[in-house]
């Protein structure tokens, strides 16, 4: 995402295994990873310019 101009990147998931796998396959060390759900994250409104979700409604 930084290659496309993102100032910061935050990866979220409820699964520890998913976060560990994401870190293992990503070379970008500036990505912040957080084990949390969007409903419990508690960030202020308009924190994100772009969100991307996979299987959110699965």
PDB file of N, CA and C in Angstrom:
ATOM      1  N   UNK A   1       0.799  -1.198   0.000  1.00  0.00           N
ATOM      2  CA  UNK A   1       0.000   0.000   0.000  1.00  0.00           C
ATOM      3  C   UNK A   1       0.845   1.268   0.000  1.00  0.00           C
ATOM      4  N   UNK A   2       1.992   1.202   0.626  1.00  0.00           N
ATOM      5  CA  UNK A   2       2.859   2.386   0.625  1.00  0.00           C
ATOM      6  C   UNK A   2       3.283   2.749  -0.791  1.00  0.00           C
ATOM      7  N   UNK A   3       3.412   1.732  -1.651  1.00  0.00           N
ATOM      8  CA  UNK A   3       3.799   1.987  -3.034  1.00  0.00           C
ATOM      9  C   UNK A   3       2.742   2.822  -3.757  1.00  0.00           C
ATOM     10  N   UNK A   4       1.495   2.732  -3.295  1.00  0.00           N
ATOM     11  CA  UNK A   4       0.408   3.489  -3.907  1.00  0.00           C
ATOM     12  C   UNK A   4       0.183   4.828  -3.205  1.00  0.00           C
ATOM     13  N   UNK A   5       1.035   5.165  -2.244  1.00  0.00           N
ATOM     14  CA  UNK A   5       0.958   6.470  -1.612  1.00  0.00           C
ATOM     15  C   UNK A   5       0.350   6.518  -0.226  1.00  0.00           C
ATOM     16  N   UNK A   6       0.071   5.380   0.379  1.00  0.00           N
ATOM     17  CA  UNK A   6      -0.513   5.369   1.718  1.00  0.00           C
ATOM     18  C   UNK A   6       0.493   5.885   2.746  1.00  0.00           C
ATOM     19  N   UNK A   7       0.031   6.789   3.596  1.00  0.00           N
ATOM     20  CA  UNK A   7       0.888   7.316   4.655  1.00  0.00           C
ATOM     21  C   UNK A   7       1.099   6.315   5.763  1.00  0.00           C
ATOM     22  N   UNK A   8       0.078   5.490   6.016  1.00  0.00           N
ATOM     23  CA  UNK A   8       0.178   4.429   7.004  1.00  0.00           C
ATOM     24  C   UNK A   8      -0.772   3.306   6.618  1.00  0.00           C
ATOM     25  N   UNK A   9      -0.453   2.106   7.090  1.00  0.00           N
ATOM     26  CA  UNK A   9      -1.256   0.929   6.787  1.00  0.00           C
ATOM     27  C   UNK A   9      -1.480   0.170   8.085  1.00  0.00           C
ATOM     28  N   UNK A  10      -2.745  -0.194   8.338  1.00  0.00           N
ATOM     29  CA  UNK A  10      -3.116  -0.946   9.533  1.00  0.00           C
ATOM     30  C   UNK A  10      -3.823  -2.216   9.103  1.00  0.00           C
ATOM     31  N   UNK A  11      -3.292  -3.349   9.509  1.00  0.00           N
ATOM     32  CA  UNK A  11      -3.913  -4.638   9.225  1.00  0.00           C
ATOM     33  C   UNK A  11      -4.660  -5.111  10.457  1.00  0.00           C
ATOM     34  N   UNK A  12      -5.936  -5.462  10.292  1.00  0.00           N
ATOM     35  CA  UNK A  12      -6.781  -5.897  11.405  1.00  0.00           C
ATOM     36  C   UNK A  12      -7.343  -7.275  11.147  1.00  0.00           C
ATOM     37  N   UNK A  13      -7.416  -8.080  12.187  1.00  0.00           N
ATOM     38  CA  UNK A  13      -8.107  -9.361  12.109  1.00  0.00           C
ATOM     39  C   UNK A  13      -8.338  -9.848  13.526  1.00  0.00           C
ATOM     40  N   UNK A  14      -9.307 -10.699  13.694  1.00  0.00           N
ATOM     41  CA  UNK A  14      -9.584 -11.276  15.003  1.00  0.00           C
ATOM     42  C   UNK A  14      -8.682 -12.466  15.314  1.00  0.00           C
ATOM     43  N   UNK A  15      -8.014 -12.987  14.308  1.00  0.00           N
ATOM     44  CA  UNK A  15      -7.227 -14.211  14.452  1.00  0.00           C
ATOM     45  C   UNK A  15      -5.731 -13.936  14.604  1.00  0.00           C
ATOM     46  N   UNK A  16      -5.160 -14.456  15.670  1.00  0.00           N
ATOM     47  CA  UNK A  16      -3.709 -14.368  15.883  1.00  0.00           C
ATOM     48  C   UNK A  16      -2.967 -15.065  14.745  1.00  0.00           C
ATOM     49  N   UNK A  17      -3.475 -16.223  14.323  1.00  0.00           N
ATOM     50  CA  UNK A  17      -2.832 -16.974  13.236  1.00  0.00           C
ATOM     51  C   UNK A  17      -2.809 -16.173  11.940  1.00  0.00           C
ATOM     52  N   UNK A  18      -3.899 -15.496  11.634  1.00  0.00           N
ATOM     53  CA  UNK A  18      -3.961 -14.689  10.413  1.00  0.00           C
ATOM     54  C   UNK A  18      -2.959 -13.549  10.474  1.00  0.00           C
ATOM     55  N   UNK A  19      -2.836 -12.905  11.611  1.00  0.00           N
ATOM     56  CA  UNK A  19      -1.883 -11.800  11.758  1.00  0.00           C
ATOM     57  C   UNK A  19      -0.445 -12.300  11.621  1.00  0.00           C
ATOM     58  N   UNK A  20      -0.153 -13.435  12.222  1.00  0.00           N
ATOM     59  CA  UNK A  20       1.195 -14.003  12.094  1.00  0.00           C
ATOM     60  C   UNK A  20       1.508 -14.368  10.648  1.00  0.00           C
ATOM     61  N   UNK A  21       0.524 -14.924   9.946  1.00  0.00           N
ATOM     62  CA  UNK A  21       0.722 -15.281   8.539  1.00  0.00           C
ATOM     63  C   UNK A  21       0.918 -14.026   7.690  1.00  0.00           C
ATOM     64  N   UNK A  22       0.150 -12.987   7.965  1.00  0.00           N
ATOM     65  CA  UNK A  22       0.288 -11.735   7.214  1.00  0.00           C
ATOM     66  C   UNK A  22       1.681 -11.141   7.407  1.00  0.00           C
ATOM     67  N   UNK A  23       2.162 -11.132   8.630  1.00  0.00           N
ATOM     68  CA  UNK A  23       3.506 -10.604   8.904  1.00  0.00           C
ATOM     69  C   UNK A  23       4.576 -11.424   8.188  1.00  0.00           C
ATOM     70  N   UNK A  24       4.372 -12.730   8.135  1.00  0.00           N
ATOM     71  CA  UNK A  24       5.361 -13.622   7.532  1.00  0.00           C
ATOM     72  C   UNK A  24       5.474 -13.435   6.017  1.00  0.00           C
ATOM     73  N   UNK A  25       4.381 -13.073   5.369  1.00  0.00           N
ATOM     74  CA  UNK A  25       4.409 -12.957   3.907  1.00  0.00           C
ATOM     75  C   UNK A  25       4.533 -11.520   3.424  1.00  0.00           C
ATOM     76  N   UNK A  26       4.700 -10.577   4.352  1.00  0.00           N
ATOM     77  CA  UNK A  26       4.793  -9.164   3.998  1.00  0.00           C
ATOM     78  C   UNK A  26       6.168  -8.626   4.370  1.00  0.00           C
ATOM     79  N   UNK A  27       6.851  -8.075   3.411  1.00  0.00           N
ATOM     80  CA  UNK A  27       8.190  -7.542   3.659  1.00  0.00           C
ATOM     81  C   UNK A  27       8.169  -6.131   4.249  1.00  0.00           C
ATOM     82  N   UNK A  28       7.038  -5.435   4.148  1.00  0.00           N
ATOM     83  CA  UNK A  28       6.933  -4.049   4.602  1.00  0.00           C
ATOM     84  C   UNK A  28       6.833  -4.005   6.128  1.00  0.00           C
ATOM     85  N   UNK A  29       7.877  -3.582   6.774  1.00  0.00           N
ATOM     86  CA  UNK A  29       7.919  -3.556   8.238  1.00  0.00           C
ATOM     87  C   UNK A  29       7.213  -2.346   8.834  1.00  0.00           C
ATOM     88  N   UNK A  30       6.727  -1.436   7.999  1.00  0.00           N
ATOM     89  CA  UNK A  30       6.024  -0.262   8.526  1.00  0.00           C
ATOM     90  C   UNK A  30       4.524  -0.500   8.698  1.00  0.00           C
ATOM     91  N   UNK A  31       4.030  -1.663   8.271  1.00  0.00           N
ATOM     92  CA  UNK A  31       2.617  -1.984   8.451  1.00  0.00           C
ATOM     93  C   UNK A  31       2.379  -2.316   9.914  1.00  0.00           C
ATOM     94  N   UNK A  32       1.348  -1.719  10.491  1.00  0.00           N
ATOM     95  CA  UNK A  32       0.965  -2.012  11.876  1.00  0.00           C
ATOM     96  C   UNK A  32      -0.119  -3.084  11.849  1.00  0.00           C
ATOM     97  N   UNK A  33       0.039  -4.113  12.665  1.00  0.00           N
ATOM     98  CA  UNK A  33      -0.925  -5.201  12.736  1.00  0.00           C
ATOM     99  C   UNK A  33      -1.599  -5.170  14.096  1.00  0.00           C
ATOM    100  N   UNK A  34      -2.910  -5.403  14.100  1.00  0.00           N
ATOM    101  CA  UNK A  34      -3.674  -5.338  15.342  1.00  0.00           C
ATOM    102  C   UNK A  34      -4.712  -6.461  15.352  1.00  0.00           C
ATOM    103  N   UNK A  35      -4.752  -7.209  16.429  1.00  0.00           N
ATOM    104  CA  UNK A  35      -5.773  -8.230  16.582  1.00  0.00           C
ATOM    105  C   UNK A  35      -6.981  -7.567  17.221  1.00  0.00           C
ATOM    106  N   UNK A  36      -7.985  -7.295  16.400  1.00  0.00           N
ATOM    107  CA  UNK A  36      -9.181  -6.597  16.860  1.00  0.00           C
ATOM    108  C   UNK A  36     -10.255  -6.682  15.791  1.00  0.00           C
ATOM    109  N   UNK A  37     -11.469  -6.431  16.203  1.00  0.00           N
ATOM    110  CA  UNK A  37     -12.583  -6.334  15.280  1.00  0.00           C
ATOM    111  C   UNK A  37     -12.953  -4.877  15.086  1.00  0.00           C
ATOM    112  N   UNK A  38     -13.525  -4.565  13.967  1.00  0.00           N
ATOM    113  CA  UNK A  38     -13.909  -3.177  13.696  1.00  0.00           C
ATOM    114  C   UNK A  38     -14.919  -2.654  14.709  1.00  0.00           C
ATOM    115  N   UNK A  39     -15.749  -3.538  15.241  1.00  0.00           N
ATOM    116  CA  UNK A  39     -16.764  -3.102  16.193  1.00  0.00           C
ATOM    117  C   UNK A  39     -16.206  -2.805  17.581  1.00  0.00           C
ATOM    118  N   UNK A  40     -14.982  -3.249  17.849  1.00  0.00           N
ATOM    119  CA  UNK A  40     -14.380  -3.012  19.165  1.00  0.00           C
ATOM    120  C   UNK A  40     -13.099  -2.181  19.097  1.00  0.00           C
ATOM    121  N   UNK A  41     -12.756  -1.723  17.915  1.00  0.00           N
ATOM    122  CA  UNK A  41     -11.480  -1.038  17.733  1.00  0.00           C
ATOM    123  C   UNK A  41     -11.427   0.314  18.433  1.00  0.00           C
ATOM    124  N   UNK A  42     -12.493   1.070  18.392  1.00  0.00           N
ATOM    125  CA  UNK A  42     -12.560   2.333  19.109  1.00  0.00           C
ATOM    126  C   UNK A  42     -11.761   3.476  18.507  1.00  0.00           C
ATOM    127  N   UNK A  43     -11.647   3.528  17.200  1.00  0.00           N
ATOM    128  CA  UNK A  43     -10.953   4.636  16.553  1.00  0.00           C
ATOM    129  C   UNK A  43     -11.932   5.768  16.273  1.00  0.00           C
ATOM    130  N   UNK A  44     -11.447   7.001  16.241  1.00  0.00           N
ATOM    131  CA  UNK A  44     -12.336   8.133  15.930  1.00  0.00           C
ATOM    132  C   UNK A  44     -12.878   8.046  14.502  1.00  0.00           C
ATOM    133  N   UNK A  45     -14.008   8.712  14.274  1.00  0.00           N
ATOM    134  CA  UNK A  45     -14.568   8.762  12.928  1.00  0.00           C
ATOM    135  C   UNK A  45     -13.564   9.378  11.961  1.00  0.00           C
ATOM    136  N   UNK A  46     -13.668   8.973  10.718  1.00  0.00           N
ATOM    137  CA  UNK A  46     -12.822   9.475   9.621  1.00  0.00           C
ATOM    138  C   UNK A  46     -11.339   9.172   9.814  1.00  0.00           C
ATOM    139  N   UNK A  47     -11.050   8.083  10.500  1.00  0.00           N
ATOM    140  CA  UNK A  47      -9.667   7.661  10.708  1.00  0.00           C
ATOM    141  C   UNK A  47      -9.061   7.111   9.418  1.00  0.00           C
ATOM    142  N   UNK A  48      -9.882   6.442   8.604  1.00  0.00           N
ATOM    143  CA  UNK A  48      -9.384   5.774   7.415  1.00  0.00           C
ATOM    144  C   UNK A  48      -9.869   6.463   6.147  1.00  0.00           C
ATOM    145  N   UNK A  49      -8.985   6.548   5.150  1.00  0.00           N
ATOM    146  CA  UNK A  49      -9.367   7.019   3.823  1.00  0.00           C
ATOM    147  C   UNK A  49      -9.836   5.854   2.960  1.00  0.00           C
ATOM    148  N   UNK A  50      -9.340   4.655   3.248  1.00  0.00           N
ATOM    149  CA  UNK A  50      -9.679   3.477   2.464  1.00  0.00           C
ATOM    150  C   UNK A  50      -9.713   2.272   3.387  1.00  0.00           C
ATOM    151  N   UNK A  51     -10.718   1.439   3.216  1.00  0.00           N
ATOM    152  CA  UNK A  51     -10.764   0.164   3.929  1.00  0.00           C
ATOM    153  C   UNK A  51     -10.973  -0.943   2.908  1.00  0.00           C
ATOM    154  N   UNK A  52     -10.431  -2.098   3.211  1.00  0.00           N
ATOM    155  CA  UNK A  52     -10.551  -3.261   2.337  1.00  0.00           C
ATOM    156  C   UNK A  52     -10.869  -4.441   3.230  1.00  0.00           C
ATOM    157  N   UNK A  53     -11.884  -5.184   2.874  1.00  0.00           N
ATOM    158  CA  UNK A  53     -12.317  -6.298   3.714  1.00  0.00           C
ATOM    159  C   UNK A  53     -12.506  -7.544   2.864  1.00  0.00           C
ATOM    160  N   UNK A  54     -12.099  -8.676   3.417  1.00  0.00           N
ATOM    161  CA  UNK A  54     -12.294  -9.962   2.782  1.00  0.00           C
ATOM    162  C   UNK A  54     -13.076 -10.843   3.766  1.00  0.00           C
ATOM    163  N   UNK A  55     -14.172 -11.416   3.310  1.00  0.00           N
ATOM    164  CA  UNK A  55     -14.986 -12.306   4.114  1.00  0.00           C
ATOM    165  C   UNK A  55     -15.614 -11.654   5.334  1.00  0.00           C
ATOM    166  N   UNK A  56     -15.847 -10.360   5.303  1.00  0.00           N
ATOM    167  CA  UNK A  56     -16.440  -9.670   6.449  1.00  0.00           C
ATOM    168  C   UNK A  56     -17.864 -10.133   6.706  1.00  0.00           C
ATOM    169  N   UNK A  57     -18.561 -10.561   5.679  1.00  0.00           N
ATOM    170  CA  UNK A  57     -19.947 -10.987   5.839  1.00  0.00           C
ATOM    171  C   UNK A  57     -20.089 -12.484   5.709  1.00  0.00           C
ATOM    172  N   UNK A  58     -19.009 -13.198   5.793  1.00  0.00           N
ATOM    173  CA  UNK A  58     -19.028 -14.643   5.621  1.00  0.00           C
ATOM    174  C   UNK A  58     -19.673 -15.302   6.800  1.00  0.00           C
TER     175      UNK A  58
END
